[in-house]
Amino acid sequence: MANIRDLKKDINNVLGDIIEAVYIVEAANNKQDSKEGLKIIDEAIATFDNLIAKVNRRDVENRKAHLKGVRAELDKKATGLVEQLNKLG
């Protein structure tokens, strides 16, 4: 199941990069621990937990379609988080 492993890595990497970018933007603007930044980080962590739980579900009818949906949800959530991050900077 290399496909599932790759999806889990993608979820981890994408959301981890967004969290790291929040810290970089805050450091560049001398606004450490801003409320907006913490909100983005909390949302990224919640998204990670939610998506990993969906990947680990085994009681789905069509596993391949389910995983495609999880990937699409990752793309949608990541895009929204990046838009919030852009407003932060």
N, C-alpha and C. Protein backbone atom coordinates (compact mmCIF):
# COMPACT_ATOMS: atom_id res chain seq x y z
N MET A 1 0.82 -1.20 0.00
CA MET A 1 0.00 0.00 0.00
C MET A 1 0.86 1.26 0.00
N ALA A 2 1.74 1.36 -0.94
CA ALA A 2 2.61 2.53 -1.03
C ALA A 2 1.78 3.79 -1.25
N ASN A 3 0.64 3.67 -1.88
CA ASN A 3 -0.21 4.82 -2.14
C ASN A 3 -0.69 5.46 -0.84
N ILE A 4 -1.06 4.65 0.13
CA ILE A 4 -1.52 5.16 1.42
C ILE A 4 -0.35 5.81 2.16
N ARG A 5 0.80 5.18 2.11
CA ARG A 5 1.98 5.73 2.76
C ARG A 5 2.34 7.08 2.16
N ASP A 6 2.28 7.18 0.83
CA ASP A 6 2.58 8.45 0.16
C ASP A 6 1.56 9.53 0.53
N LEU A 7 0.30 9.14 0.63
CA LEU A 7 -0.73 10.11 1.00
C LEU A 7 -0.49 10.63 2.41
N LYS A 8 -0.16 9.74 3.33
CA LYS A 8 0.13 10.16 4.71
C LYS A 8 1.34 11.10 4.75
N LYS A 9 2.36 10.80 3.94
CA LYS A 9 3.54 11.67 3.89
C LYS A 9 3.16 13.04 3.33
N ASP A 10 2.32 13.04 2.28
CA ASP A 10 1.89 14.31 1.69
C ASP A 10 1.13 15.16 2.70
N ILE A 11 0.21 14.52 3.44
CA ILE A 11 -0.55 15.24 4.46
C ILE A 11 0.41 15.86 5.47
N ASN A 12 1.35 15.06 5.95
CA ASN A 12 2.31 15.54 6.94
C ASN A 12 3.18 16.67 6.39
N ASN A 13 3.69 16.49 5.19
CA ASN A 13 4.60 17.49 4.62
C ASN A 13 3.89 18.80 4.30
N VAL A 14 2.73 18.71 3.68
CA VAL A 14 2.02 19.93 3.29
C VAL A 14 1.62 20.75 4.51
N LEU A 15 1.00 20.10 5.48
CA LEU A 15 0.55 20.84 6.66
C LEU A 15 1.73 21.26 7.53
N GLY A 16 2.77 20.47 7.58
CA GLY A 16 3.98 20.86 8.31
C GLY A 16 4.64 22.07 7.69
N ASP A 17 4.66 22.13 6.36
CA ASP A 17 5.24 23.29 5.67
C ASP A 17 4.43 24.55 5.94
N ILE A 18 3.11 24.40 6.01
CA ILE A 18 2.27 25.57 6.30
C ILE A 18 2.54 26.08 7.71
N ILE A 19 2.65 25.18 8.67
CA ILE A 19 2.95 25.59 10.05
C ILE A 19 4.32 26.27 10.11
N GLU A 20 5.30 25.71 9.44
CA GLU A 20 6.63 26.31 9.41
C GLU A 20 6.59 27.70 8.77
N ALA A 21 5.79 27.84 7.72
CA ALA A 21 5.69 29.13 7.04
C ALA A 21 5.08 30.19 7.96
N VAL A 22 4.15 29.78 8.82
CA VAL A 22 3.57 30.73 9.79
C VAL A 22 4.67 31.28 10.69
N TYR A 23 5.51 30.38 11.19
CA TYR A 23 6.60 30.83 12.07
C TYR A 23 7.57 31.74 11.33
N ILE A 24 7.85 31.45 10.08
CA ILE A 24 8.78 32.27 9.30
C ILE A 24 8.19 33.67 9.06
N VAL A 25 6.92 33.72 8.68
CA VAL A 25 6.27 35.01 8.43
C VAL A 25 6.21 35.83 9.71
N GLU A 26 5.87 35.18 10.81
CA GLU A 26 5.80 35.91 12.09
C GLU A 26 7.18 36.42 12.51
N ALA A 27 8.21 35.62 12.31
CA ALA A 27 9.57 36.05 12.67
C ALA A 27 10.02 37.21 11.79
N ALA A 28 9.66 37.16 10.52
CA ALA A 28 10.06 38.22 9.60
C ALA A 28 9.37 39.54 9.93
N ASN A 29 8.16 39.45 10.49
CA ASN A 29 7.40 40.65 10.81
C ASN A 29 7.44 41.02 12.29
N ASN A 30 8.28 40.33 13.05
CA ASN A 30 8.40 40.55 14.50
C ASN A 30 7.04 40.49 15.21
N LYS A 31 6.24 39.48 14.85
CA LYS A 31 4.93 39.29 15.48
C LYS A 31 4.81 37.83 15.94
N GLN A 32 5.71 37.39 16.81
CA GLN A 32 5.65 36.02 17.30
C GLN A 32 4.38 35.78 18.10
N ASP A 33 3.81 34.60 17.94
CA ASP A 33 2.63 34.16 18.68
C ASP A 33 1.42 35.07 18.49
N SER A 34 1.20 35.53 17.27
CA SER A 34 0.02 36.34 17.01
C SER A 34 -1.22 35.44 17.02
N LYS A 35 -2.36 36.03 17.31
CA LYS A 35 -3.61 35.26 17.35
C LYS A 35 -3.93 34.66 15.99
N GLU A 36 -3.69 35.42 14.94
CA GLU A 36 -3.97 34.93 13.59
C GLU A 36 -3.08 33.74 13.25
N GLY A 37 -1.80 33.84 13.61
CA GLY A 37 -0.86 32.75 13.34
C GLY A 37 -1.22 31.50 14.11
N LEU A 38 -1.58 31.66 15.38
CA LEU A 38 -1.97 30.51 16.19
C LEU A 38 -3.24 29.86 15.65
N LYS A 39 -4.15 30.66 15.11
CA LYS A 39 -5.38 30.12 14.54
C LYS A 39 -5.06 29.25 13.32
N ILE A 40 -4.14 29.71 12.48
CA ILE A 40 -3.75 28.93 11.30
C ILE A 40 -3.09 27.63 11.73
N ILE A 41 -2.22 27.70 12.73
CA ILE A 41 -1.53 26.50 13.22
C ILE A 41 -2.53 25.51 13.81
N ASP A 42 -3.46 25.99 14.62
CA ASP A 42 -4.47 25.11 15.21
C ASP A 42 -5.32 24.45 14.13
N GLU A 43 -5.69 25.22 13.11
CA GLU A 43 -6.49 24.67 12.02
C GLU A 43 -5.70 23.62 11.23
N ALA A 44 -4.41 23.86 11.03
CA ALA A 44 -3.57 22.90 10.31
C ALA A 44 -3.46 21.59 11.11
N ILE A 45 -3.31 21.69 12.41
CA ILE A 45 -3.21 20.49 13.25
C ILE A 45 -4.53 19.72 13.25
N ALA A 46 -5.64 20.44 13.35
CA ALA A 46 -6.95 19.78 13.31
C ALA A 46 -7.19 19.11 11.96
N THR A 47 -6.77 19.77 10.89
CA THR A 47 -6.90 19.19 9.55
C THR A 47 -6.06 17.93 9.44
N PHE A 48 -4.84 17.97 9.97
CA PHE A 48 -3.97 16.80 9.95
C PHE A 48 -4.64 15.62 10.66
N ASP A 49 -5.13 15.86 11.87
CA ASP A 49 -5.78 14.79 12.64
C ASP A 49 -6.98 14.22 11.89
N ASN A 50 -7.78 15.10 11.31
CA ASN A 50 -8.98 14.69 10.59
C ASN A 50 -8.63 13.85 9.36
N LEU A 51 -7.67 14.32 8.58
CA LEU A 51 -7.31 13.61 7.34
C LEU A 51 -6.64 12.27 7.62
N ILE A 52 -5.78 12.20 8.62
CA ILE A 52 -5.14 10.93 8.96
C ILE A 52 -6.20 9.93 9.44
N ALA A 53 -7.17 10.40 10.20
CA ALA A 53 -8.25 9.51 10.65
C ALA A 53 -9.03 8.98 9.46
N LYS A 54 -9.26 9.83 8.47
CA LYS A 54 -9.99 9.39 7.27
C LYS A 54 -9.17 8.38 6.46
N VAL A 55 -7.87 8.59 6.37
CA VAL A 55 -7.01 7.65 5.63
C VAL A 55 -7.02 6.29 6.31
N ASN A 56 -7.04 6.28 7.63
CA ASN A 56 -6.98 5.03 8.39
C ASN A 56 -8.30 4.27 8.45
N ARG A 57 -9.38 4.88 7.98
CA ARG A 57 -10.67 4.18 7.98
C ARG A 57 -10.63 3.00 7.03
N ARG A 58 -11.10 1.88 7.48
CA ARG A 58 -11.09 0.67 6.65
C ARG A 58 -12.49 0.22 6.27
N ASP A 59 -13.50 0.86 6.82
CA ASP A 59 -14.87 0.42 6.57
C ASP A 59 -15.55 1.18 5.43
N VAL A 60 -14.76 1.64 4.47
CA VAL A 60 -15.33 2.37 3.34
C VAL A 60 -15.63 1.39 2.20
N GLU A 61 -16.62 1.74 1.41
CA GLU A 61 -17.05 0.86 0.32
C GLU A 61 -16.00 0.79 -0.79
N ASN A 62 -15.60 1.95 -1.30
CA ASN A 62 -14.63 2.02 -2.39
C ASN A 62 -13.39 2.75 -1.87
N ARG A 63 -12.39 1.99 -1.47
CA ARG A 63 -11.20 2.56 -0.83
C ARG A 63 -10.46 3.55 -1.73
N LYS A 64 -10.34 3.21 -3.00
CA LYS A 64 -9.60 4.06 -3.94
C LYS A 64 -10.29 5.42 -4.09
N ALA A 65 -11.60 5.41 -4.24
CA ALA A 65 -12.35 6.67 -4.37
C ALA A 65 -12.28 7.46 -3.07
N HIS A 66 -12.33 6.75 -1.95
CA HIS A 66 -12.24 7.41 -0.64
C HIS A 66 -10.90 8.13 -0.49
N LEU A 67 -9.82 7.48 -0.88
CA LEU A 67 -8.50 8.09 -0.75
C LEU A 67 -8.35 9.27 -1.71
N LYS A 68 -8.96 9.18 -2.89
CA LYS A 68 -8.94 10.33 -3.82
C LYS A 68 -9.66 11.52 -3.20
N GLY A 69 -10.76 11.23 -2.51
CA GLY A 69 -11.49 12.29 -1.83
C GLY A 69 -10.67 12.93 -0.72
N VAL A 70 -9.92 12.11 0.00
CA VAL A 70 -9.05 12.64 1.06
C VAL A 70 -7.98 13.54 0.45
N ARG A 71 -7.40 13.12 -0.66
CA ARG A 71 -6.38 13.94 -1.32
C ARG A 71 -6.98 15.27 -1.79
N ALA A 72 -8.18 15.21 -2.34
CA ALA A 72 -8.85 16.44 -2.80
C ALA A 72 -9.14 17.36 -1.62
N GLU A 73 -9.54 16.78 -0.50
CA GLU A 73 -9.80 17.58 0.71
C GLU A 73 -8.51 18.22 1.22
N LEU A 74 -7.40 17.48 1.14
CA LEU A 74 -6.10 18.04 1.53
C LEU A 74 -5.78 19.26 0.66
N ASP A 75 -5.97 19.13 -0.63
CA ASP A 75 -5.69 20.25 -1.54
C ASP A 75 -6.54 21.46 -1.20
N LYS A 76 -7.82 21.23 -0.95
CA LYS A 76 -8.74 22.32 -0.64
C LYS A 76 -8.38 23.00 0.67
N LYS A 77 -8.14 22.21 1.71
CA LYS A 77 -7.81 22.77 3.03
C LYS A 77 -6.47 23.50 2.99
N ALA A 78 -5.48 22.92 2.30
CA ALA A 78 -4.16 23.54 2.21
C ALA A 78 -4.25 24.88 1.48
N THR A 79 -5.04 24.94 0.43
CA THR A 79 -5.21 26.19 -0.31
C THR A 79 -5.82 27.26 0.60
N GLY A 80 -6.81 26.88 1.38
CA GLY A 80 -7.43 27.83 2.31
C GLY A 80 -6.46 28.31 3.36
N LEU A 81 -5.64 27.40 3.90
CA LEU A 81 -4.66 27.79 4.90
C LEU A 81 -3.59 28.71 4.32
N VAL A 82 -3.18 28.45 3.08
CA VAL A 82 -2.18 29.31 2.44
C VAL A 82 -2.75 30.70 2.20
N GLU A 83 -4.03 30.77 1.84
CA GLU A 83 -4.67 32.08 1.66
C GLU A 83 -4.67 32.86 2.98
N GLN A 84 -4.97 32.17 4.09
CA GLN A 84 -4.93 32.82 5.40
C GLN A 84 -3.50 33.25 5.72
N LEU A 85 -2.54 32.41 5.38
CA LEU A 85 -1.14 32.73 5.63
C LEU A 85 -0.70 33.96 4.85
N ASN A 86 -1.16 34.07 3.61
CA ASN A 86 -0.82 35.24 2.80
C ASN A 86 -1.36 36.53 3.40
N LYS A 87 -2.52 36.46 4.04
CA LYS A 87 -3.08 37.64 4.70
C LYS A 87 -2.29 38.00 5.96
N LEU A 88 -1.67 36.98 6.56
CA LEU A 88 -0.88 37.19 7.77
C LEU A 88 0.34 38.06 7.50
N GLY A 89 0.96 37.83 6.34
CA GLY A 89 2.20 38.55 6.01
C GLY A 89 1.96 39.85 5.47
